[in-house]
Amino acid sequence: MVMRASRRGLAEWLFQRISAVLLLGYSAFIVGFMLTHPHINFYDWELLFSCLFVQITTYVVIIALVGHIWIGIWTVLTDYMKCAWGRLILEILLALLLLGYLIWGAKIVWA
């Protein structure tokens, strides 16, 4: 009996939904912060992002965003691009781009 066949795609589906909820919650937090600080300046942003909890949350959201993008674009490429070599090249380029975004996000959040 093969149990994995019935779970095909469930992990990706769950990750997409969970990452979407994380992105929504983080966006609501940032919008709420902007609404409660009508005359926001650089020092307010610096104070907000100097908090370790906000730094960790921001980087978790960046990871969730990159994963969300990867699953979404991988699904579209697999469904609509029939040329295996072209799809492989695009997936490699996308993976490198998203890895660059992760590194860049880490540099911004933790610098």
PDB file of N, CA and C in Angstrom:
ATOM      1  N   MET A   1       0.843  -1.176   0.000  1.00  0.00           N
ATOM      2  CA  MET A   1       0.000   0.000   0.000  1.00  0.00           C
ATOM      3  C   MET A   1       0.893   1.246   0.000  1.00  0.00           C
ATOM      4  N   VAL A   2       0.598   2.166  -0.897  1.00  0.00           N
ATOM      5  CA  VAL A   2       1.365   3.405  -1.016  1.00  0.00           C
ATOM      6  C   VAL A   2       0.529   4.537  -0.453  1.00  0.00           C
ATOM      7  N   MET A   3       1.032   5.121   0.630  1.00  0.00           N
ATOM      8  CA  MET A   3       0.297   6.214   1.279  1.00  0.00           C
ATOM      9  C   MET A   3       0.660   7.572   0.692  1.00  0.00           C
ATOM     10  N   ARG A   4       1.852   7.702   0.132  1.00  0.00           N
ATOM     11  CA  ARG A   4       2.296   8.999  -0.376  1.00  0.00           C
ATOM     12  C   ARG A   4       1.494   9.435  -1.595  1.00  0.00           C
ATOM     13  N   ALA A   5       0.980   8.518  -2.354  1.00  0.00           N
ATOM     14  CA  ALA A   5       0.239   8.879  -3.557  1.00  0.00           C
ATOM     15  C   ALA A   5      -1.009   9.692  -3.216  1.00  0.00           C
ATOM     16  N   SER A   6      -1.613   9.412  -2.069  1.00  0.00           N
ATOM     17  CA  SER A   6      -2.814  10.153  -1.683  1.00  0.00           C
ATOM     18  C   SER A   6      -2.479  11.534  -1.125  1.00  0.00           C
ATOM     19  N   ARG A   7      -1.220  11.766  -0.731  1.00  0.00           N
ATOM     20  CA  ARG A   7      -0.805  13.049  -0.164  1.00  0.00           C
ATOM     21  C   ARG A   7      -0.143  13.938  -1.192  1.00  0.00           C
ATOM     22  N   ARG A   8      -0.147  13.590  -2.415  1.00  0.00           N
ATOM     23  CA  ARG A   8       0.589  14.329  -3.435  1.00  0.00           C
ATOM     24  C   ARG A   8       0.133  15.788  -3.503  1.00  0.00           C
ATOM     25  N   GLY A   9       1.061  16.680  -3.218  1.00  0.00           N
ATOM     26  CA  GLY A   9       0.774  18.108  -3.300  1.00  0.00           C
ATOM     27  C   GLY A   9       0.191  18.714  -2.034  1.00  0.00           C
ATOM     28  N   LEU A  10      -0.106  17.899  -1.037  1.00  0.00           N
ATOM     29  CA  LEU A  10      -0.720  18.431   0.180  1.00  0.00           C
ATOM     30  C   LEU A  10       0.229  19.360   0.934  1.00  0.00           C
ATOM     31  N   ALA A  11       1.496  18.982   1.024  1.00  0.00           N
ATOM     32  CA  ALA A  11       2.463  19.826   1.745  1.00  0.00           C
ATOM     33  C   ALA A  11       2.615  21.182   1.060  1.00  0.00           C
ATOM     34  N   GLU A  12       2.685  21.191  -0.273  1.00  0.00           N
ATOM     35  CA  GLU A  12       2.799  22.454  -0.999  1.00  0.00           C
ATOM     36  C   GLU A  12       1.549  23.304  -0.820  1.00  0.00           C
ATOM     37  N   TRP A  13       0.391  22.658  -0.880  1.00  0.00           N
ATOM     38  CA  TRP A  13      -0.873  23.368  -0.699  1.00  0.00           C
ATOM     39  C   TRP A  13      -0.928  24.004   0.686  1.00  0.00           C
ATOM     40  N   LEU A  14      -0.551  23.232   1.720  1.00  0.00           N
ATOM     41  CA  LEU A  14      -0.555  23.764   3.082  1.00  0.00           C
ATOM     42  C   LEU A  14       0.442  24.901   3.239  1.00  0.00           C
ATOM     43  N   PHE A  15       1.646  24.741   2.672  1.00  0.00           N
ATOM     44  CA  PHE A  15       2.650  25.803   2.774  1.00  0.00           C
ATOM     45  C   PHE A  15       2.145  27.079   2.121  1.00  0.00           C
ATOM     46  N   GLN A  16       1.486  26.953   0.957  1.00  0.00           N
ATOM     47  CA  GLN A  16       0.948  28.135   0.287  1.00  0.00           C
ATOM     48  C   GLN A  16      -0.061  28.854   1.176  1.00  0.00           C
ATOM     49  N   ARG A  17      -0.951  28.092   1.812  1.00  0.00           N
ATOM     50  CA  ARG A  17      -1.986  28.705   2.651  1.00  0.00           C
ATOM     51  C   ARG A  17      -1.391  29.323   3.904  1.00  0.00           C
ATOM     52  N   ILE A  18      -0.480  28.605   4.549  1.00  0.00           N
ATOM     53  CA  ILE A  18       0.130  29.123   5.783  1.00  0.00           C
ATOM     54  C   ILE A  18       0.974  30.363   5.484  1.00  0.00           C
ATOM     55  N   SER A  19       1.740  30.323   4.388  1.00  0.00           N
ATOM     56  CA  SER A  19       2.552  31.491   4.046  1.00  0.00           C
ATOM     57  C   SER A  19       1.671  32.680   3.676  1.00  0.00           C
ATOM     58  N   ALA A  20       0.533  32.425   3.040  1.00  0.00           N
ATOM     59  CA  ALA A  20      -0.381  33.521   2.710  1.00  0.00           C
ATOM     60  C   ALA A  20      -0.932  34.170   3.979  1.00  0.00           C
ATOM     61  N   VAL A  21      -1.258  33.365   4.988  1.00  0.00           N
ATOM     62  CA  VAL A  21      -1.756  33.902   6.257  1.00  0.00           C
ATOM     63  C   VAL A  21      -0.649  34.698   6.955  1.00  0.00           C
ATOM     64  N   LEU A  22       0.586  34.186   6.937  1.00  0.00           N
ATOM     65  CA  LEU A  22       1.713  34.926   7.525  1.00  0.00           C
ATOM     66  C   LEU A  22       1.908  36.277   6.831  1.00  0.00           C
ATOM     67  N   LEU A  23       1.856  36.269   5.501  1.00  0.00           N
ATOM     68  CA  LEU A  23       2.026  37.517   4.747  1.00  0.00           C
ATOM     69  C   LEU A  23       0.903  38.498   5.053  1.00  0.00           C
ATOM     70  N   LEU A  24      -0.319  37.997   5.171  1.00  0.00           N
ATOM     71  CA  LEU A  24      -1.443  38.866   5.506  1.00  0.00           C
ATOM     72  C   LEU A  24      -1.284  39.466   6.903  1.00  0.00           C
ATOM     73  N   GLY A  25      -0.913  38.631   7.870  1.00  0.00           N
ATOM     74  CA  GLY A  25      -0.735  39.120   9.237  1.00  0.00           C
ATOM     75  C   GLY A  25       0.378  40.149   9.344  1.00  0.00           C
ATOM     76  N   TYR A  26       1.494  39.887   8.661  1.00  0.00           N
ATOM     77  CA  TYR A  26       2.618  40.829   8.702  1.00  0.00           C
ATOM     78  C   TYR A  26       2.240  42.144   8.017  1.00  0.00           C
ATOM     79  N   SER A  27       1.537  42.042   6.896  1.00  0.00           N
ATOM     80  CA  SER A  27       1.091  43.259   6.204  1.00  0.00           C
ATOM     81  C   SER A  27       0.154  44.069   7.092  1.00  0.00           C
ATOM     82  N   ALA A  28      -0.750  43.388   7.788  1.00  0.00           N
ATOM     83  CA  ALA A  28      -1.667  44.085   8.699  1.00  0.00           C
ATOM     84  C   ALA A  28      -0.894  44.757   9.834  1.00  0.00           C
ATOM     85  N   PHE A  29       0.144  44.083  10.338  1.00  0.00           N
ATOM     86  CA  PHE A  29       0.981  44.671  11.387  1.00  0.00           C
ATOM     87  C   PHE A  29       1.666  45.941  10.897  1.00  0.00           C
ATOM     88  N   ILE A  30       2.261  45.899   9.711  1.00  0.00           N
ATOM     89  CA  ILE A  30       2.968  47.065   9.168  1.00  0.00           C
ATOM     90  C   ILE A  30       1.988  48.207   8.884  1.00  0.00           C
ATOM     91  N   VAL A  31       0.841  47.888   8.299  1.00  0.00           N
ATOM     92  CA  VAL A  31      -0.162  48.928   8.029  1.00  0.00           C
ATOM     93  C   VAL A  31      -0.675  49.511   9.344  1.00  0.00           C
ATOM     94  N   GLY A  32      -0.903  48.653  10.331  1.00  0.00           N
ATOM     95  CA  GLY A  32      -1.339  49.139  11.643  1.00  0.00           C
ATOM     96  C   GLY A  32      -0.306  50.052  12.275  1.00  0.00           C
ATOM     97  N   PHE A  33       0.967  49.691  12.145  1.00  0.00           N
ATOM     98  CA  PHE A  33       2.026  50.544  12.684  1.00  0.00           C
ATOM     99  C   PHE A  33       2.028  51.896  11.973  1.00  0.00           C
ATOM    100  N   MET A  34       1.858  51.875  10.663  1.00  0.00           N
ATOM    101  CA  MET A  34       1.856  53.132   9.908  1.00  0.00           C
ATOM    102  C   MET A  34       0.644  53.992  10.258  1.00  0.00           C
ATOM    103  N   LEU A  35      -0.499  53.362  10.525  1.00  0.00           N
ATOM    104  CA  LEU A  35      -1.693  54.127  10.891  1.00  0.00           C
ATOM    105  C   LEU A  35      -1.595  54.712  12.298  1.00  0.00           C
ATOM    106  N   THR A  36      -0.917  54.012  13.197  1.00  0.00           N
ATOM    107  CA  THR A  36      -0.788  54.527  14.567  1.00  0.00           C
ATOM    108  C   THR A  36       0.349  55.529  14.713  1.00  0.00           C
ATOM    109  N   HIS A  37       1.173  55.636  13.691  1.00  0.00           N
ATOM    110  CA  HIS A  37       2.268  56.623  13.683  1.00  0.00           C
ATOM    111  C   HIS A  37       2.120  57.479  12.413  1.00  0.00           C
ATOM    112  N   PRO A  38       1.213  58.464  12.440  1.00  0.00           N
ATOM    113  CA  PRO A  38       0.920  59.211  11.207  1.00  0.00           C
ATOM    114  C   PRO A  38       2.105  60.022  10.679  1.00  0.00           C
ATOM    115  N   HIS A  39       2.982  60.458  11.541  1.00  0.00           N
ATOM    116  CA  HIS A  39       4.143  61.245  11.099  1.00  0.00           C
ATOM    117  C   HIS A  39       5.405  60.405  11.274  1.00  0.00           C
ATOM    118  N   ILE A  40       5.418  59.275  10.611  1.00  0.00           N
ATOM    119  CA  ILE A  40       6.516  58.322  10.778  1.00  0.00           C
ATOM    120  C   ILE A  40       7.779  58.859  10.110  1.00  0.00           C
ATOM    121  N   ASN A  41       8.900  58.601  10.743  1.00  0.00           N
ATOM    122  CA  ASN A  41      10.176  59.010  10.167  1.00  0.00           C
ATOM    123  C   ASN A  41      11.158  57.841  10.259  1.00  0.00           C
ATOM    124  N   PHE A  42      12.372  58.082   9.834  1.00  0.00           N
ATOM    125  CA  PHE A  42      13.389  57.037   9.805  1.00  0.00           C
ATOM    126  C   PHE A  42      13.657  56.458  11.192  1.00  0.00           C
ATOM    127  N   TYR A  43      13.662  57.305  12.193  1.00  0.00           N
ATOM    128  CA  TYR A  43      13.979  56.853  13.551  1.00  0.00           C
ATOM    129  C   TYR A  43      12.893  55.933  14.103  1.00  0.00           C
ATOM    130  N   ASP A  44      11.637  56.188  13.735  1.00  0.00           N
ATOM    131  CA  ASP A  44      10.556  55.278  14.143  1.00  0.00           C
ATOM    132  C   ASP A  44      10.738  53.897  13.511  1.00  0.00           C
ATOM    133  N   TRP A  45      11.084  53.886  12.223  1.00  0.00           N
ATOM    134  CA  TRP A  45      11.331  52.607  11.543  1.00  0.00           C
ATOM    135  C   TRP A  45      12.531  51.898  12.154  1.00  0.00           C
ATOM    136  N   GLU A  46      13.571  52.663  12.441  1.00  0.00           N
ATOM    137  CA  GLU A  46      14.778  52.078  13.023  1.00  0.00           C
ATOM    138  C   GLU A  46      14.466  51.488  14.399  1.00  0.00           C
ATOM    139  N   LEU A  47      13.669  52.171  15.198  1.00  0.00           N
ATOM    140  CA  LEU A  47      13.286  51.680  16.513  1.00  0.00           C
ATOM    141  C   LEU A  47      12.440  50.408  16.392  1.00  0.00           C
ATOM    142  N   LEU A  48      11.527  50.399  15.450  1.00  0.00           N
ATOM    143  CA  LEU A  48      10.688  49.215  15.240  1.00  0.00           C
ATOM    144  C   LEU A  48      11.538  48.006  14.854  1.00  0.00           C
ATOM    145  N   PHE A  49      12.415  48.187  13.869  1.00  0.00           N
ATOM    146  CA  PHE A  49      13.181  47.060  13.352  1.00  0.00           C
ATOM    147  C   PHE A  49      14.434  46.752  14.169  1.00  0.00           C
ATOM    148  N   SER A  50      14.681  47.492  15.228  1.00  0.00           N
ATOM    149  CA  SER A  50      15.778  47.128  16.126  1.00  0.00           C
ATOM    150  C   SER A  50      15.321  46.092  17.151  1.00  0.00           C
ATOM    151  N   CYS A  51      14.023  45.885  17.257  1.00  0.00           N
ATOM    152  CA  CYS A  51      13.458  44.883  18.159  1.00  0.00           C
ATOM    153  C   CYS A  51      13.724  43.488  17.584  1.00  0.00           C
ATOM    154  N   LEU A  52      14.286  42.602  18.390  1.00  0.00           N
ATOM    155  CA  LEU A  52      14.649  41.255  17.929  1.00  0.00           C
ATOM    156  C   LEU A  52      13.430  40.483  17.432  1.00  0.00           C
ATOM    157  N   PHE A  53      12.298  40.628  18.106  1.00  0.00           N
ATOM    158  CA  PHE A  53      11.077  39.937  17.686  1.00  0.00           C
ATOM    159  C   PHE A  53      10.660  40.360  16.282  1.00  0.00           C
ATOM    160  N   VAL A  54      10.726  41.652  15.989  1.00  0.00           N
ATOM    161  CA  VAL A  54      10.357  42.153  14.657  1.00  0.00           C
ATOM    162  C   VAL A  54      11.367  41.672  13.616  1.00  0.00           C
ATOM    163  N   GLN A  55      12.641  41.635  13.964  1.00  0.00           N
ATOM    164  CA  GLN A  55      13.656  41.145  13.031  1.00  0.00           C
ATOM    165  C   GLN A  55      13.407  39.678  12.682  1.00  0.00           C
ATOM    166  N   ILE A  56      13.168  38.861  13.693  1.00  0.00           N
ATOM    167  CA  ILE A  56      12.910  37.443  13.447  1.00  0.00           C
ATOM    168  C   ILE A  56      11.633  37.267  12.635  1.00  0.00           C
ATOM    169  N   THR A  57      10.582  37.974  13.018  1.00  0.00           N
ATOM    170  CA  THR A  57       9.319  37.885  12.288  1.00  0.00           C
ATOM    171  C   THR A  57       9.489  38.321  10.842  1.00  0.00           C
ATOM    172  N   THR A  58      10.218  39.386  10.617  1.00  0.00           N
ATOM    173  CA  THR A  58      10.443  39.876   9.256  1.00  0.00           C
ATOM    174  C   THR A  58      11.173  38.840   8.421  1.00  0.00           C
ATOM    175  N   TYR A  59      12.191  38.221   8.976  1.00  0.00           N
ATOM    176  CA  TYR A  59      12.932  37.231   8.189  1.00  0.00           C
ATOM    177  C   TYR A  59      12.112  35.961   7.960  1.00  0.00           C
ATOM    178  N   VAL A  60      11.303  35.568   8.931  1.00  0.00           N
ATOM    179  CA  VAL A  60      10.404  34.424   8.717  1.00  0.00           C
ATOM    180  C   VAL A  60       9.418  34.734   7.599  1.00  0.00           C
ATOM    181  N   VAL A  61       8.925  35.957   7.560  1.00  0.00           N
ATOM    182  CA  VAL A  61       7.998  36.357   6.496  1.00  0.00           C
ATOM    183  C   VAL A  61       8.718  36.398   5.150  1.00  0.00           C
ATOM    184  N   ILE A  62       9.965  36.825   5.120  1.00  0.00           N
ATOM    185  CA  ILE A  62      10.733  36.808   3.867  1.00  0.00           C
ATOM    186  C   ILE A  62      10.898  35.368   3.375  1.00  0.00           C
ATOM    187  N   ILE A  63      11.200  34.443   4.289  1.00  0.00           N
ATOM    188  CA  ILE A  63      11.317  33.034   3.912  1.00  0.00           C
ATOM    189  C   ILE A  63       9.982  32.503   3.400  1.00  0.00           C
ATOM    190  N   ALA A  64       8.893  32.860   4.073  1.00  0.00           N
ATOM    191  CA  ALA A  64       7.563  32.435   3.636  1.00  0.00           C
ATOM    192  C   ALA A  64       7.234  33.005   2.261  1.00  0.00           C
ATOM    193  N   LEU A  65       7.598  34.258   2.015  1.00  0.00           N
ATOM    194  CA  LEU A  65       7.349  34.880   0.720  1.00  0.00           C
ATOM    195  C   LEU A  65       8.129  34.185  -0.391  1.00  0.00           C
ATOM    196  N   VAL A  66       9.398  33.893  -0.136  1.00  0.00           N
ATOM    197  CA  VAL A  66      10.220  33.212  -1.139  1.00  0.00           C
ATOM    198  C   VAL A  66       9.663  31.816  -1.419  1.00  0.00           C
ATOM    199  N   GLY A  67       9.269  31.097  -0.376  1.00  0.00           N
ATOM    200  CA  GLY A  67       8.666  29.778  -0.581  1.00  0.00           C
ATOM    201  C   GLY A  67       7.357  29.851  -1.335  1.00  0.00           C
ATOM    202  N   HIS A  68       6.549  30.845  -1.014  1.00  0.00           N
ATOM    203  CA  HIS A  68       5.274  31.061  -1.692  1.00  0.00           C
ATOM    204  C   HIS A  68       5.503  31.326  -3.187  1.00  0.00           C
ATOM    205  N   ILE A  69       6.464  32.169  -3.476  1.00  0.00           N
ATOM    206  CA  ILE A  69       6.799  32.480  -4.874  1.00  0.00           C
ATOM    207  C   ILE A  69       7.294  31.227  -5.586  1.00  0.00           C
ATOM    208  N   TRP A  70       8.193  30.471  -4.934  1.00  0.00           N
ATOM    209  CA  TRP A  70       8.751  29.273  -5.565  1.00  0.00           C
ATOM    210  C   TRP A  70       7.655  28.275  -5.930  1.00  0.00           C
ATOM    211  N   ILE A  71       6.767  27.975  -4.993  1.00  0.00           N
ATOM    212  CA  ILE A  71       5.712  27.000  -5.257  1.00  0.00           C
ATOM    213  C   ILE A  71       4.766  27.498  -6.351  1.00  0.00           C
ATOM    214  N   GLY A  72       4.415  28.770  -6.289  1.00  0.00           N
ATOM    215  CA  GLY A  72       3.500  29.322  -7.297  1.00  0.00           C
ATOM    216  C   GLY A  72       4.086  29.298  -8.700  1.00  0.00           C
ATOM    217  N   ILE A  73       5.299  29.774  -8.844  1.00  0.00           N
ATOM    218  CA  ILE A  73       5.902  29.820 -10.187  1.00  0.00           C
ATOM    219  C   ILE A  73       6.257  28.416 -10.666  1.00  0.00           C
ATOM    220  N   TRP A  74       6.695  27.531  -9.748  1.00  0.00           N
ATOM    221  CA  TRP A  74       6.982  26.149 -10.138  1.00  0.00           C
ATOM    222  C   TRP A  74       5.721  25.476 -10.666  1.00  0.00           C
ATOM    223  N   THR A  75       4.585  25.727 -10.012  1.00  0.00           N
ATOM    224  CA  THR A  75       3.321  25.144 -10.458  1.00  0.00           C
ATOM    225  C   THR A  75       2.948  25.649 -11.845  1.00  0.00           C
ATOM    226  N   VAL A  76       3.078  26.934 -12.061  1.00  0.00           N
ATOM    227  CA  VAL A  76       2.748  27.503 -13.370  1.00  0.00           C
ATOM    228  C   VAL A  76       3.692  26.958 -14.444  1.00  0.00           C
ATOM    229  N   LEU A  77       4.986  26.923 -14.155  1.00  0.00           N
ATOM    230  CA  LEU A  77       5.949  26.392 -15.132  1.00  0.00           C
ATOM    231  C   LEU A  77       5.662  24.926 -15.450  1.00  0.00           C
ATOM    232  N   THR A  78       5.337  24.130 -14.441  1.00  0.00           N
ATOM    233  CA  THR A  78       5.078  22.714 -14.678  1.00  0.00           C
ATOM    234  C   THR A  78       3.802  22.520 -15.488  1.00  0.00           C
ATOM    235  N   ASP A  79       2.816  23.357 -15.261  1.00  0.00           N
ATOM    236  CA  ASP A  79       1.552  23.209 -15.975  1.00  0.00           C
ATOM    237  C   ASP A  79       1.619  23.699 -17.418  1.00  0.00           C
ATOM    238  N   TYR A  80       2.334  24.783 -17.665  1.00  0.00           N
ATOM    239  CA  TYR A  80       2.241  25.431 -18.961  1.00  0.00           C
ATOM    240  C   TYR A  80       3.484  25.348 -19.831  1.00  0.00           C
ATOM    241  N   MET A  81       4.621  25.040 -19.265  1.00  0.00           N
ATOM    242  CA  MET A  81       5.841  24.966 -20.078  1.00  0.00           C
ATOM    243  C   MET A  81       6.173  23.497 -20.325  1.00  0.00           C
ATOM    244  N   LYS A  82       6.009  23.072 -21.549  1.00  0.00           N
ATOM    245  CA  LYS A  82       6.185  21.654 -21.871  1.00  0.00           C
ATOM    246  C   LYS A  82       7.625  21.298 -22.216  1.00  0.00           C
ATOM    247  N   CYS A  83       8.440  22.257 -22.597  1.00  0.00           N
ATOM    248  CA  CYS A  83       9.844  21.997 -22.925  1.00  0.00           C
ATOM    249  C   CYS A  83      10.624  21.789 -21.620  1.00  0.00           C
ATOM    250  N   ALA A  84      11.097  20.548 -21.418  1.00  0.00           N
ATOM    251  CA  ALA A  84      11.747  20.204 -20.157  1.00  0.00           C
ATOM    252  C   ALA A  84      13.022  21.012 -19.928  1.00  0.00           C
ATOM    253  N   TRP A  85      13.829  21.188 -20.973  1.00  0.00           N
ATOM    254  CA  TRP A  85      15.086  21.939 -20.813  1.00  0.00           C
ATOM    255  C   TRP A  85      14.824  23.412 -20.512  1.00  0.00           C
ATOM    256  N   GLY A  86      13.874  23.992 -21.211  1.00  0.00           N
ATOM    257  CA  GLY A  86      13.539  25.389 -20.958  1.00  0.00           C
ATOM    258  C   GLY A  86      13.007  25.587 -19.554  1.00  0.00           C
ATOM    259  N   ARG A  87      12.167  24.654 -19.101  1.00  0.00           N
ATOM    260  CA  ARG A  87      11.619  24.727 -17.746  1.00  0.00           C
ATOM    261  C   ARG A  87      12.732  24.576 -16.706  1.00  0.00           C
ATOM    262  N   LEU A  88      13.657  23.656 -16.944  1.00  0.00           N
ATOM    263  CA  LEU A  88      14.772  23.455 -16.025  1.00  0.00           C
ATOM    264  C   LEU A  88      15.632  24.709 -15.918  1.00  0.00           C
ATOM    265  N   ILE A  89      15.915  25.332 -17.046  1.00  0.00           N
ATOM    266  CA  ILE A  89      16.721  26.559 -17.044  1.00  0.00           C
ATOM    267  C   ILE A  89      16.010  27.668 -16.277  1.00  0.00           C
ATOM    268  N   LEU A  90      14.708  27.829 -16.525  1.00  0.00           N
ATOM    269  CA  LEU A  90      13.951  28.859 -15.801  1.00  0.00           C
ATOM    270  C   LEU A  90      13.880  28.559 -14.310  1.00  0.00           C
ATOM    271  N   GLU A  91      13.739  27.287 -13.946  1.00  0.00           N
ATOM    272  CA  GLU A  91      13.693  26.934 -12.530  1.00  0.00           C
ATOM    273  C   GLU A  91      15.033  27.207 -11.847  1.00  0.00           C
ATOM    274  N   ILE A  92      16.127  26.918 -12.532  1.00  0.00           N
ATOM    275  CA  ILE A  92      17.444  27.209 -11.958  1.00  0.00           C
ATOM    276  C   ILE A  92      17.639  28.709 -11.792  1.00  0.00           C
ATOM    277  N   LEU A  93      17.266  29.479 -12.810  1.00  0.00           N
ATOM    278  CA  LEU A  93      17.385  30.941 -12.716  1.00  0.00           C
ATOM    279  C   LEU A  93      16.514  31.491 -11.586  1.00  0.00           C
ATOM    280  N   LEU A  94      15.304  30.956 -11.474  1.00  0.00           N
ATOM    281  CA  LEU A  94      14.410  31.393 -10.406  1.00  0.00           C
ATOM    282  C   LEU A  94      14.975  31.033  -9.040  1.00  0.00           C
ATOM    283  N   ALA A  95      15.513  29.829  -8.901  1.00  0.00           N
ATOM    284  CA  ALA A  95      16.095  29.406  -7.623  1.00  0.00           C
ATOM    285  C   ALA A  95      17.256  30.314  -7.241  1.00  0.00           C
ATOM    286  N   LEU A  96      18.099  30.656  -8.196  1.00  0.00           N
ATOM    287  CA  LEU A  96      19.224  31.557  -7.913  1.00  0.00           C
ATOM    288  C   LEU A  96      18.732  32.947  -7.527  1.00  0.00           C
ATOM    289  N   LEU A  97      17.727  33.444  -8.237  1.00  0.00           N
ATOM    290  CA  LEU A  97      17.164  34.752  -7.921  1.00  0.00           C
ATOM    291  C   LEU A  97      16.572  34.768  -6.517  1.00  0.00           C
ATOM    292  N   LEU A  98      15.799  33.734  -6.172  1.00  0.00           N
ATOM    293  CA  LEU A  98      15.185  33.676  -4.846  1.00  0.00           C
ATOM    294  C   LEU A  98      16.226  33.492  -3.743  1.00  0.00           C
ATOM    295  N   LEU A  99      17.267  32.737  -4.025  1.00  0.00           N
ATOM    296  CA  LEU A  99      18.368  32.614  -3.061  1.00  0.00           C
ATOM    297  C   LEU A  99      19.032  33.973  -2.838  1.00  0.00           C
ATOM    298  N   GLY A 100      19.214  34.723  -3.920  1.00  0.00           N
ATOM    299  CA  GLY A 100      19.754  36.078  -3.799  1.00  0.00           C
ATOM    300  C   GLY A 100      18.851  36.972  -2.957  1.00  0.00           C
ATOM    301  N   TYR A 101      17.531  36.833  -3.135  1.00  0.00           N
ATOM    302  CA  TYR A 101      16.597  37.616  -2.324  1.00  0.00           C
ATOM    303  C   TYR A 101      16.680  37.236  -0.845  1.00  0.00           C
ATOM    304  N   LEU A 102      16.849  35.931  -0.559  1.00  0.00           N
ATOM    305  CA  LEU A 102      16.994  35.504   0.837  1.00  0.00           C
ATOM    306  C   LEU A 102      18.241  36.104   1.474  1.00  0.00           C
ATOM    307  N   ILE A 103      19.348  36.073   0.734  1.00  0.00           N
ATOM    308  CA  ILE A 103      20.592  36.619   1.252  1.00  0.00           C
ATOM    309  C   ILE A 103      20.476  38.135   1.426  1.00  0.00           C
ATOM    310  N   TRP A 104      19.888  38.795   0.440  1.00  0.00           N
ATOM    311  CA  TRP A 104      19.706  40.242   0.496  1.00  0.00           C
ATOM    312  C   TRP A 104      18.789  40.616   1.675  1.00  0.00           C
ATOM    313  N   GLY A 105      17.702  39.849   1.841  1.00  0.00           N
ATOM    314  CA  GLY A 105      16.804  40.107   2.961  1.00  0.00           C
ATOM    315  C   GLY A 105      17.487  39.936   4.308  1.00  0.00           C
ATOM    316  N   ALA A 106      18.344  38.916   4.413  1.00  0.00           N
ATOM    317  CA  ALA A 106      19.093  38.705   5.658  1.00  0.00           C
ATOM    318  C   ALA A 106      20.031  39.872   5.917  1.00  0.00           C
ATOM    319  N   LYS A 107      20.659  40.344   4.868  1.00  0.00           N
ATOM    320  CA  LYS A 107      21.585  41.482   5.023  1.00  0.00           C
ATOM    321  C   LYS A 107      20.831  42.727   5.487  1.00  0.00           C
ATOM    322  N   ILE A 108      19.649  42.943   4.935  1.00  0.00           N
ATOM    323  CA  ILE A 108      18.863  44.128   5.316  1.00  0.00           C
ATOM    324  C   ILE A 108      18.347  44.003   6.752  1.00  0.00           C
ATOM    325  N   VAL A 109      17.793  42.844   7.091  1.00  0.00           N
ATOM    326  CA  VAL A 109      17.171  42.676   8.405  1.00  0.00           C
ATOM    327  C   VAL A 109      18.206  42.657   9.521  1.00  0.00           C
ATOM    328  N   TRP A 110      19.320  41.990   9.317  1.00  0.00           N
ATOM    329  CA  TRP A 110      20.279  41.782  10.399  1.00  0.00           C
ATOM    330  C   TRP A 110      21.435  42.775  10.393  1.00  0.00           C
ATOM    331  N   ALA A 111      21.482  43.681   9.418  1.00  0.00           N
ATOM    332  CA  ALA A 111      22.588  44.656   9.364  1.00  0.00           C
ATOM    333  C   ALA A 111      22.332  45.831  10.291  1.00  0.00           C
TER     334      ALA A 111
END
